[in-house]
Amino acid sequence: MAKWVVVPPDAHGPYVPTEHNVAEGMLKLAGVNPTDVVYDLGCGDGRVVIIAAKNFGARGVGVDINPVRIHEARANASPYHIENLVRFEEGDLFQADLQTATVVTLYLLPEVNLRLRPKLLRDLRPGSRVVSHSFNMGDWEPDKQGEVNGATIYLWTIPPKD
C-alpha cells in the first residue's frame, strides 16, 4: 500500500513513491539505455533516477519542489556511487529546463499531467519519450501502455515539430 505524505501547499500534488518494480517497468517501456538522460519530474526520494543510473546506465535528473525530498534523494543515491550519473534539483517541474532530456518520467495527478503536456511537447526534442505511472494525458493517445503489479504505465513519443 502506498504511503501518503503531506507536502507543502505550493506543491503539485501529494508525495506517493512509485514502487521499485513499477519504476523499472516504466524505464523498460521507454527503452532506457546508457545514451539516455532521464528526467523525473516530481522525483520524490529519487528512486526512478537512481534505478535509471544503477540498472540502465543512463544519466538522470530529479526535480522536486520539496527540499526534504531532494535531500532524501541525494542521500539515497550516495551508497550506489552514481554521483557522476545523477543530480537532484529543487524546483518547480513547470520551470524545469528539459533541453537535455531524452526520457521524462511522471507520477503526477491527471490535471498536472494535462497542464504539463504543452511544456513537454514544446520543450522536448522529437523522439524523446514520456512515461507516466497511472495517469494518462487526456486525448493524447499513448504509443504503448503496460501494466506492472496492477499499475498502468503509459508511453508517448514526442512527434516531429511542425
N, C-alpha and C. Protein backbone atom coordinates (compact mmCIF):
# COMPACT_ATOMS: atom_id res chain seq x y z
N MET A 1 0.84 -1.18 0.00
CA MET A 1 0.00 0.00 0.00
C MET A 1 0.89 1.24 0.00
N ALA A 2 0.56 2.22 -0.85
CA ALA A 2 1.33 3.45 -0.95
C ALA A 2 1.16 4.28 0.33
N LYS A 3 2.25 4.94 0.71
CA LYS A 3 2.22 5.80 1.90
C LYS A 3 2.07 7.24 1.42
N TRP A 4 1.06 7.94 1.91
CA TRP A 4 0.83 9.33 1.55
C TRP A 4 1.54 10.22 2.55
N VAL A 5 2.22 11.22 2.05
CA VAL A 5 2.98 12.13 2.89
C VAL A 5 2.52 13.54 2.61
N VAL A 6 2.37 14.34 3.64
CA VAL A 6 1.96 15.74 3.49
C VAL A 6 3.09 16.52 2.84
N VAL A 7 2.74 17.37 1.87
CA VAL A 7 3.72 18.18 1.17
C VAL A 7 3.33 19.65 1.29
N PRO A 8 4.24 20.55 0.96
CA PRO A 8 3.92 21.97 1.05
C PRO A 8 2.72 22.33 0.18
N PRO A 9 1.96 23.37 0.57
CA PRO A 9 0.77 23.74 -0.18
C PRO A 9 1.04 24.21 -1.60
N ASP A 10 2.27 24.61 -1.92
CA ASP A 10 2.59 25.08 -3.27
C ASP A 10 3.03 23.95 -4.19
N ALA A 11 3.04 22.73 -3.68
CA ALA A 11 3.43 21.58 -4.49
C ALA A 11 2.30 21.21 -5.45
N HIS A 12 2.61 20.35 -6.41
CA HIS A 12 1.65 19.98 -7.44
C HIS A 12 0.93 18.68 -7.16
N GLY A 13 0.96 18.22 -5.93
CA GLY A 13 0.25 17.02 -5.55
C GLY A 13 0.92 16.32 -4.39
N PRO A 14 0.31 15.26 -3.91
CA PRO A 14 0.88 14.54 -2.77
C PRO A 14 2.10 13.72 -3.19
N TYR A 15 2.93 13.41 -2.21
CA TYR A 15 4.09 12.56 -2.46
C TYR A 15 3.67 11.12 -2.23
N VAL A 16 3.67 10.35 -3.32
CA VAL A 16 3.39 8.91 -3.25
C VAL A 16 4.50 8.23 -4.05
N PRO A 17 5.40 7.51 -3.39
CA PRO A 17 6.51 6.88 -4.11
C PRO A 17 6.04 5.82 -5.10
N THR A 18 6.71 5.74 -6.23
CA THR A 18 6.49 4.68 -7.20
C THR A 18 7.19 3.43 -6.69
N GLU A 19 6.50 2.31 -6.72
CA GLU A 19 7.13 1.05 -6.30
C GLU A 19 8.33 0.77 -7.21
N HIS A 20 9.36 0.16 -6.65
CA HIS A 20 10.59 -0.09 -7.41
C HIS A 20 10.33 -0.86 -8.70
N ASN A 21 9.52 -1.91 -8.65
CA ASN A 21 9.30 -2.69 -9.87
C ASN A 21 8.49 -1.92 -10.90
N VAL A 22 7.63 -1.00 -10.46
CA VAL A 22 6.89 -0.14 -11.40
C VAL A 22 7.85 0.85 -12.04
N ALA A 23 8.74 1.42 -11.25
CA ALA A 23 9.74 2.35 -11.79
C ALA A 23 10.60 1.65 -12.84
N GLU A 24 11.04 0.44 -12.53
CA GLU A 24 11.84 -0.31 -13.50
C GLU A 24 11.02 -0.62 -14.76
N GLY A 25 9.75 -0.96 -14.59
CA GLY A 25 8.86 -1.21 -15.72
C GLY A 25 8.69 0.02 -16.60
N MET A 26 8.59 1.19 -15.98
CA MET A 26 8.48 2.44 -16.74
C MET A 26 9.72 2.65 -17.60
N LEU A 27 10.89 2.43 -17.01
CA LEU A 27 12.13 2.64 -17.73
C LEU A 27 12.31 1.62 -18.85
N LYS A 28 11.88 0.39 -18.61
CA LYS A 28 11.91 -0.64 -19.67
C LYS A 28 10.96 -0.28 -20.80
N LEU A 29 9.75 0.16 -20.47
CA LEU A 29 8.77 0.54 -21.50
C LEU A 29 9.33 1.65 -22.38
N ALA A 30 10.08 2.57 -21.79
CA ALA A 30 10.68 3.68 -22.54
C ALA A 30 11.95 3.26 -23.28
N GLY A 31 12.42 2.04 -23.06
CA GLY A 31 13.63 1.58 -23.73
C GLY A 31 14.87 2.33 -23.29
N VAL A 32 14.94 2.69 -22.01
CA VAL A 32 16.07 3.46 -21.50
C VAL A 32 17.36 2.68 -21.65
N ASN A 33 18.41 3.39 -22.06
CA ASN A 33 19.74 2.80 -22.26
C ASN A 33 20.80 3.81 -21.83
N PRO A 34 22.07 3.44 -21.88
CA PRO A 34 23.13 4.34 -21.40
C PRO A 34 23.26 5.67 -22.14
N THR A 35 22.66 5.80 -23.30
CA THR A 35 22.74 7.08 -24.02
C THR A 35 21.65 8.06 -23.58
N ASP A 36 20.72 7.62 -22.74
CA ASP A 36 19.59 8.46 -22.34
C ASP A 36 19.90 9.36 -21.15
N VAL A 37 19.14 10.45 -21.11
CA VAL A 37 19.11 11.35 -19.95
C VAL A 37 17.66 11.36 -19.48
N VAL A 38 17.44 10.76 -18.31
CA VAL A 38 16.10 10.59 -17.75
C VAL A 38 15.82 11.70 -16.75
N TYR A 39 14.75 12.44 -16.98
CA TYR A 39 14.29 13.46 -16.04
C TYR A 39 13.06 12.92 -15.34
N ASP A 40 13.07 12.95 -14.02
CA ASP A 40 11.89 12.55 -13.25
C ASP A 40 11.33 13.82 -12.61
N LEU A 41 10.17 14.24 -13.10
CA LEU A 41 9.53 15.46 -12.61
C LEU A 41 8.64 15.12 -11.43
N GLY A 42 8.97 15.70 -10.27
CA GLY A 42 8.33 15.31 -9.03
C GLY A 42 9.02 14.06 -8.52
N CYS A 43 10.35 14.12 -8.42
CA CYS A 43 11.18 12.92 -8.21
C CYS A 43 11.07 12.31 -6.82
N GLY A 44 10.52 13.02 -5.87
CA GLY A 44 10.40 12.46 -4.53
C GLY A 44 11.73 11.99 -3.99
N ASP A 45 11.82 10.72 -3.60
CA ASP A 45 13.03 10.19 -2.98
C ASP A 45 14.11 9.80 -3.99
N GLY A 46 13.88 10.07 -5.26
CA GLY A 46 14.90 9.87 -6.30
C GLY A 46 14.98 8.48 -6.89
N ARG A 47 14.07 7.59 -6.51
CA ARG A 47 14.22 6.19 -6.90
C ARG A 47 14.22 5.95 -8.40
N VAL A 48 13.43 6.70 -9.19
CA VAL A 48 13.39 6.46 -10.64
C VAL A 48 14.74 6.82 -11.26
N VAL A 49 15.28 7.97 -10.88
CA VAL A 49 16.58 8.41 -11.40
C VAL A 49 17.68 7.45 -10.96
N ILE A 50 17.63 7.01 -9.72
CA ILE A 50 18.63 6.08 -9.20
C ILE A 50 18.57 4.75 -9.96
N ILE A 51 17.38 4.23 -10.17
CA ILE A 51 17.23 2.97 -10.92
C ILE A 51 17.70 3.14 -12.36
N ALA A 52 17.40 4.30 -12.97
CA ALA A 52 17.84 4.55 -14.35
C ALA A 52 19.36 4.50 -14.44
N ALA A 53 20.04 5.07 -13.46
CA ALA A 53 21.51 5.07 -13.47
C ALA A 53 22.07 3.70 -13.12
N LYS A 54 21.57 3.13 -12.03
CA LYS A 54 22.12 1.88 -11.49
C LYS A 54 21.84 0.69 -12.39
N ASN A 55 20.62 0.58 -12.92
CA ASN A 55 20.23 -0.61 -13.67
C ASN A 55 20.32 -0.45 -15.19
N PHE A 56 20.31 0.79 -15.68
CA PHE A 56 20.30 1.01 -17.13
C PHE A 56 21.51 1.81 -17.62
N GLY A 57 22.31 2.34 -16.70
CA GLY A 57 23.50 3.11 -17.08
C GLY A 57 23.19 4.48 -17.62
N ALA A 58 21.96 4.94 -17.48
CA ALA A 58 21.55 6.25 -18.00
C ALA A 58 21.95 7.36 -17.03
N ARG A 59 22.07 8.56 -17.55
CA ARG A 59 22.21 9.73 -16.69
C ARG A 59 20.81 10.16 -16.28
N GLY A 60 20.69 10.86 -15.16
CA GLY A 60 19.37 11.25 -14.70
C GLY A 60 19.37 12.53 -13.90
N VAL A 61 18.22 13.20 -13.96
CA VAL A 61 17.99 14.42 -13.20
C VAL A 61 16.63 14.30 -12.54
N GLY A 62 16.62 14.50 -11.23
CA GLY A 62 15.36 14.52 -10.49
C GLY A 62 15.03 15.94 -10.11
N VAL A 63 13.78 16.32 -10.30
CA VAL A 63 13.32 17.67 -9.95
C VAL A 63 12.16 17.54 -8.98
N ASP A 64 12.25 18.23 -7.86
CA ASP A 64 11.17 18.22 -6.89
C ASP A 64 11.13 19.57 -6.19
N ILE A 65 9.94 20.02 -5.87
CA ILE A 65 9.76 21.32 -5.22
C ILE A 65 10.06 21.27 -3.73
N ASN A 66 10.08 20.08 -3.17
CA ASN A 66 10.25 19.91 -1.73
C ASN A 66 11.72 19.68 -1.39
N PRO A 67 12.36 20.58 -0.65
CA PRO A 67 13.78 20.41 -0.32
C PRO A 67 14.06 19.16 0.51
N VAL A 68 13.10 18.71 1.31
CA VAL A 68 13.29 17.49 2.09
C VAL A 68 13.43 16.30 1.16
N ARG A 69 12.61 16.24 0.12
CA ARG A 69 12.69 15.14 -0.85
C ARG A 69 14.03 15.17 -1.59
N ILE A 70 14.50 16.36 -1.96
CA ILE A 70 15.78 16.47 -2.67
C ILE A 70 16.91 15.97 -1.78
N HIS A 71 16.91 16.36 -0.53
CA HIS A 71 17.92 15.88 0.42
C HIS A 71 17.86 14.36 0.52
N GLU A 72 16.66 13.82 0.63
CA GLU A 72 16.47 12.36 0.72
C GLU A 72 16.97 11.67 -0.55
N ALA A 73 16.66 12.24 -1.72
CA ALA A 73 17.10 11.64 -2.99
C ALA A 73 18.62 11.58 -3.07
N ARG A 74 19.28 12.66 -2.68
CA ARG A 74 20.75 12.68 -2.70
C ARG A 74 21.32 11.62 -1.75
N ALA A 75 20.72 11.53 -0.58
CA ALA A 75 21.18 10.53 0.40
C ALA A 75 20.94 9.11 -0.12
N ASN A 76 19.82 8.89 -0.80
CA ASN A 76 19.51 7.56 -1.35
C ASN A 76 20.46 7.17 -2.48
N ALA A 77 20.93 8.14 -3.25
CA ALA A 77 21.85 7.86 -4.36
C ALA A 77 23.28 7.59 -3.89
N SER A 78 23.65 8.18 -2.78
CA SER A 78 25.03 8.13 -2.30
C SER A 78 25.63 6.73 -2.17
N PRO A 79 24.94 5.76 -1.60
CA PRO A 79 25.55 4.43 -1.44
C PRO A 79 25.89 3.73 -2.76
N TYR A 80 25.28 4.16 -3.85
CA TYR A 80 25.49 3.50 -5.14
C TYR A 80 26.65 4.10 -5.93
N HIS A 81 27.23 5.20 -5.42
CA HIS A 81 28.37 5.84 -6.08
C HIS A 81 28.06 6.17 -7.54
N ILE A 82 26.91 6.78 -7.75
CA ILE A 82 26.48 7.16 -9.10
C ILE A 82 26.41 8.68 -9.25
N GLU A 83 27.16 9.39 -8.40
CA GLU A 83 27.14 10.86 -8.42
C GLU A 83 27.48 11.42 -9.80
N ASN A 84 28.28 10.68 -10.57
CA ASN A 84 28.65 11.14 -11.92
C ASN A 84 27.49 10.97 -12.91
N LEU A 85 26.46 10.23 -12.52
CA LEU A 85 25.34 9.98 -13.43
C LEU A 85 24.06 10.72 -13.04
N VAL A 86 23.91 11.11 -11.79
CA VAL A 86 22.64 11.69 -11.34
C VAL A 86 22.84 13.04 -10.65
N ARG A 87 21.79 13.83 -10.72
CA ARG A 87 21.73 15.04 -9.92
C ARG A 87 20.27 15.32 -9.57
N PHE A 88 20.08 16.02 -8.48
CA PHE A 88 18.74 16.33 -8.00
C PHE A 88 18.64 17.83 -7.78
N GLU A 89 17.56 18.41 -8.33
CA GLU A 89 17.38 19.86 -8.30
C GLU A 89 16.08 20.20 -7.59
N GLU A 90 16.18 21.16 -6.67
CA GLU A 90 14.98 21.68 -6.04
C GLU A 90 14.38 22.71 -6.99
N GLY A 91 13.12 22.50 -7.38
CA GLY A 91 12.48 23.45 -8.27
C GLY A 91 11.11 23.00 -8.70
N ASP A 92 10.41 23.89 -9.35
CA ASP A 92 9.07 23.66 -9.85
C ASP A 92 9.17 22.90 -11.17
N LEU A 93 8.48 21.80 -11.30
CA LEU A 93 8.56 21.00 -12.52
C LEU A 93 8.12 21.76 -13.76
N PHE A 94 7.28 22.79 -13.59
CA PHE A 94 6.85 23.59 -14.74
C PHE A 94 7.94 24.54 -15.22
N GLN A 95 8.96 24.74 -14.39
CA GLN A 95 10.09 25.62 -14.75
C GLN A 95 11.34 24.83 -15.13
N ALA A 96 11.28 23.53 -15.05
CA ALA A 96 12.46 22.69 -15.32
C ALA A 96 12.96 22.87 -16.74
N ASP A 97 14.27 22.94 -16.89
CA ASP A 97 14.91 23.01 -18.20
C ASP A 97 15.09 21.59 -18.71
N LEU A 98 14.33 21.24 -19.73
CA LEU A 98 14.31 19.87 -20.24
C LEU A 98 15.13 19.67 -21.52
N GLN A 99 15.99 20.63 -21.84
CA GLN A 99 16.73 20.59 -23.10
C GLN A 99 17.51 19.31 -23.32
N THR A 100 18.09 18.75 -22.27
CA THR A 100 18.92 17.55 -22.46
C THR A 100 18.16 16.25 -22.25
N ALA A 101 16.90 16.33 -21.85
CA ALA A 101 16.12 15.12 -21.56
C ALA A 101 15.83 14.33 -22.83
N THR A 102 15.99 13.02 -22.73
CA THR A 102 15.54 12.12 -23.80
C THR A 102 14.36 11.29 -23.32
N VAL A 103 14.22 11.18 -21.98
CA VAL A 103 13.09 10.47 -21.36
C VAL A 103 12.63 11.31 -20.17
N VAL A 104 11.31 11.49 -20.04
CA VAL A 104 10.73 12.16 -18.88
C VAL A 104 9.78 11.19 -18.22
N THR A 105 9.94 11.00 -16.91
CA THR A 105 9.05 10.12 -16.17
C THR A 105 8.17 10.95 -15.24
N LEU A 106 6.93 10.49 -15.07
CA LEU A 106 5.93 11.22 -14.29
C LEU A 106 5.12 10.27 -13.42
N TYR A 107 4.83 10.70 -12.23
CA TYR A 107 3.79 10.08 -11.40
C TYR A 107 3.08 11.24 -10.74
N LEU A 108 2.29 11.92 -11.55
CA LEU A 108 1.61 13.14 -11.15
C LEU A 108 0.11 12.96 -11.30
N LEU A 109 -0.64 13.83 -10.68
CA LEU A 109 -2.10 13.77 -10.81
C LEU A 109 -2.52 14.09 -12.24
N PRO A 110 -3.68 13.59 -12.69
CA PRO A 110 -4.12 13.79 -14.07
C PRO A 110 -4.14 15.26 -14.50
N GLU A 111 -4.63 16.14 -13.64
CA GLU A 111 -4.70 17.55 -14.02
C GLU A 111 -3.31 18.17 -14.16
N VAL A 112 -2.34 17.67 -13.41
CA VAL A 112 -0.96 18.17 -13.54
C VAL A 112 -0.37 17.66 -14.85
N ASN A 113 -0.60 16.40 -15.18
CA ASN A 113 -0.15 15.88 -16.48
C ASN A 113 -0.69 16.74 -17.63
N LEU A 114 -1.97 17.07 -17.56
CA LEU A 114 -2.58 17.86 -18.64
C LEU A 114 -1.98 19.26 -18.71
N ARG A 115 -1.70 19.87 -17.58
CA ARG A 115 -1.07 21.19 -17.57
C ARG A 115 0.36 21.12 -18.06
N LEU A 116 1.03 19.99 -17.83
CA LEU A 116 2.42 19.82 -18.21
C LEU A 116 2.59 19.45 -19.69
N ARG A 117 1.57 18.86 -20.27
CA ARG A 117 1.65 18.37 -21.64
C ARG A 117 2.15 19.41 -22.65
N PRO A 118 1.64 20.66 -22.66
CA PRO A 118 2.16 21.64 -23.63
C PRO A 118 3.66 21.91 -23.47
N LYS A 119 4.13 21.93 -22.22
CA LYS A 119 5.57 22.14 -21.98
C LYS A 119 6.37 20.98 -22.55
N LEU A 120 5.91 19.77 -22.32
CA LEU A 120 6.63 18.60 -22.83
C LEU A 120 6.71 18.64 -24.35
N LEU A 121 5.58 18.93 -25.00
CA LEU A 121 5.55 18.98 -26.46
C LEU A 121 6.42 20.12 -27.01
N ARG A 122 6.48 21.21 -26.28
CA ARG A 122 7.26 22.38 -26.71
C ARG A 122 8.76 22.20 -26.43
N ASP A 123 9.10 21.69 -25.26
CA ASP A 123 10.50 21.71 -24.81
C ASP A 123 11.31 20.47 -25.17
N LEU A 124 10.64 19.33 -25.33
CA LEU A 124 11.39 18.10 -25.63
C LEU A 124 11.65 17.96 -27.12
N ARG A 125 12.77 17.36 -27.45
CA ARG A 125 13.11 17.12 -28.85
C ARG A 125 12.26 15.98 -29.41
N PRO A 126 11.96 16.02 -30.71
CA PRO A 126 11.24 14.91 -31.33
C PRO A 126 11.97 13.59 -31.06
N GLY A 127 11.19 12.56 -30.77
CA GLY A 127 11.76 11.26 -30.46
C GLY A 127 11.96 11.02 -28.98
N SER A 128 11.92 12.09 -28.18
CA SER A 128 12.02 11.93 -26.73
C SER A 128 10.79 11.18 -26.25
N ARG A 129 10.95 10.46 -25.15
CA ARG A 129 9.85 9.66 -24.63
C ARG A 129 9.37 10.20 -23.29
N VAL A 130 8.06 10.05 -23.08
CA VAL A 130 7.42 10.45 -21.83
C VAL A 130 6.71 9.22 -21.29
N VAL A 131 6.98 8.89 -20.02
CA VAL A 131 6.35 7.73 -19.40
C VAL A 131 5.63 8.20 -18.14
N SER A 132 4.38 7.79 -18.01
CA SER A 132 3.59 8.16 -16.84
C SER A 132 3.09 6.93 -16.11
N HIS A 133 3.20 6.97 -14.80
CA HIS A 133 2.67 5.93 -13.92
C HIS A 133 1.24 6.31 -13.56
N SER A 134 0.31 5.46 -13.93
CA SER A 134 -1.11 5.52 -13.55
C SER A 134 -1.98 6.52 -14.29
N PHE A 135 -1.43 7.64 -14.73
CA PHE A 135 -2.29 8.68 -15.28
C PHE A 135 -1.93 9.01 -16.72
N ASN A 136 -2.95 9.15 -17.57
CA ASN A 136 -2.72 9.42 -18.98
C ASN A 136 -2.61 10.92 -19.24
N MET A 137 -2.70 11.29 -20.52
CA MET A 137 -2.57 12.69 -20.94
C MET A 137 -3.81 13.12 -21.71
N GLY A 138 -4.98 12.74 -21.22
CA GLY A 138 -6.21 13.14 -21.87
C GLY A 138 -6.32 12.53 -23.25
N ASP A 139 -6.55 13.37 -24.25
CA ASP A 139 -6.77 12.88 -25.61
C ASP A 139 -5.47 12.57 -26.37
N TRP A 140 -4.32 12.74 -25.75
CA TRP A 140 -3.05 12.36 -26.37
C TRP A 140 -2.89 10.86 -26.16
N GLU A 141 -3.15 10.10 -27.20
CA GLU A 141 -3.12 8.64 -27.13
C GLU A 141 -1.69 8.14 -26.93
N PRO A 142 -1.48 7.23 -25.99
CA PRO A 142 -0.14 6.69 -25.78
C PRO A 142 0.29 5.80 -26.95
N ASP A 143 1.59 5.75 -27.19
CA ASP A 143 2.15 4.84 -28.20
C ASP A 143 2.11 3.41 -27.69
N LYS A 144 2.31 3.26 -26.39
CA LYS A 144 2.27 1.95 -25.74
C LYS A 144 1.73 2.14 -24.34
N GLN A 145 1.20 1.06 -23.80
CA GLN A 145 0.90 1.05 -22.38
C GLN A 145 1.08 -0.36 -21.88
N GLY A 146 1.36 -0.46 -20.60
CA GLY A 146 1.60 -1.75 -19.99
C GLY A 146 1.08 -1.76 -18.57
N GLU A 147 1.31 -2.85 -17.91
CA GLU A 147 0.88 -2.98 -16.53
C GLU A 147 1.96 -3.69 -15.73
N VAL A 148 2.25 -3.15 -14.55
CA VAL A 148 3.20 -3.75 -13.62
C VAL A 148 2.55 -3.74 -12.25
N ASN A 149 2.38 -4.92 -11.66
CA ASN A 149 1.76 -5.05 -10.33
C ASN A 149 0.45 -4.28 -10.21
N GLY A 150 -0.36 -4.33 -11.24
CA GLY A 150 -1.66 -3.67 -11.21
C GLY A 150 -1.62 -2.19 -11.55
N ALA A 151 -0.43 -1.62 -11.76
CA ALA A 151 -0.30 -0.21 -12.11
C ALA A 151 -0.17 -0.08 -13.62
N THR A 152 -0.98 0.77 -14.21
CA THR A 152 -0.88 1.04 -15.64
C THR A 152 0.23 2.06 -15.88
N ILE A 153 1.04 1.81 -16.89
CA ILE A 153 2.07 2.77 -17.30
C ILE A 153 1.86 3.09 -18.77
N TYR A 154 2.07 4.36 -19.10
CA TYR A 154 1.82 4.88 -20.44
C TYR A 154 3.11 5.43 -21.03
N LEU A 155 3.27 5.28 -22.35
CA LEU A 155 4.44 5.80 -23.06
C LEU A 155 3.98 6.62 -24.26
N TRP A 156 4.54 7.82 -24.37
CA TRP A 156 4.32 8.67 -25.55
C TRP A 156 5.69 9.03 -26.13
N THR A 157 5.72 9.26 -27.43
CA THR A 157 6.93 9.74 -28.10
C THR A 157 6.63 11.13 -28.65
N ILE A 158 7.54 12.07 -28.39
CA ILE A 158 7.34 13.43 -28.87
C ILE A 158 7.41 13.43 -30.40
N PRO A 159 6.37 13.94 -31.05
CA PRO A 159 6.33 13.93 -32.51
C PRO A 159 7.23 15.02 -33.12
N PRO A 160 7.48 14.91 -34.43
CA PRO A 160 8.25 15.97 -35.10
C PRO A 160 7.56 17.31 -34.94
N LYS A 161 8.37 18.38 -34.88
CA LYS A 161 7.82 19.74 -34.78
C LYS A 161 7.25 20.14 -36.14
N ASP A 162 6.19 20.91 -36.10
CA ASP A 162 5.58 21.39 -37.36
C ASP A 162 6.42 22.42 -38.06
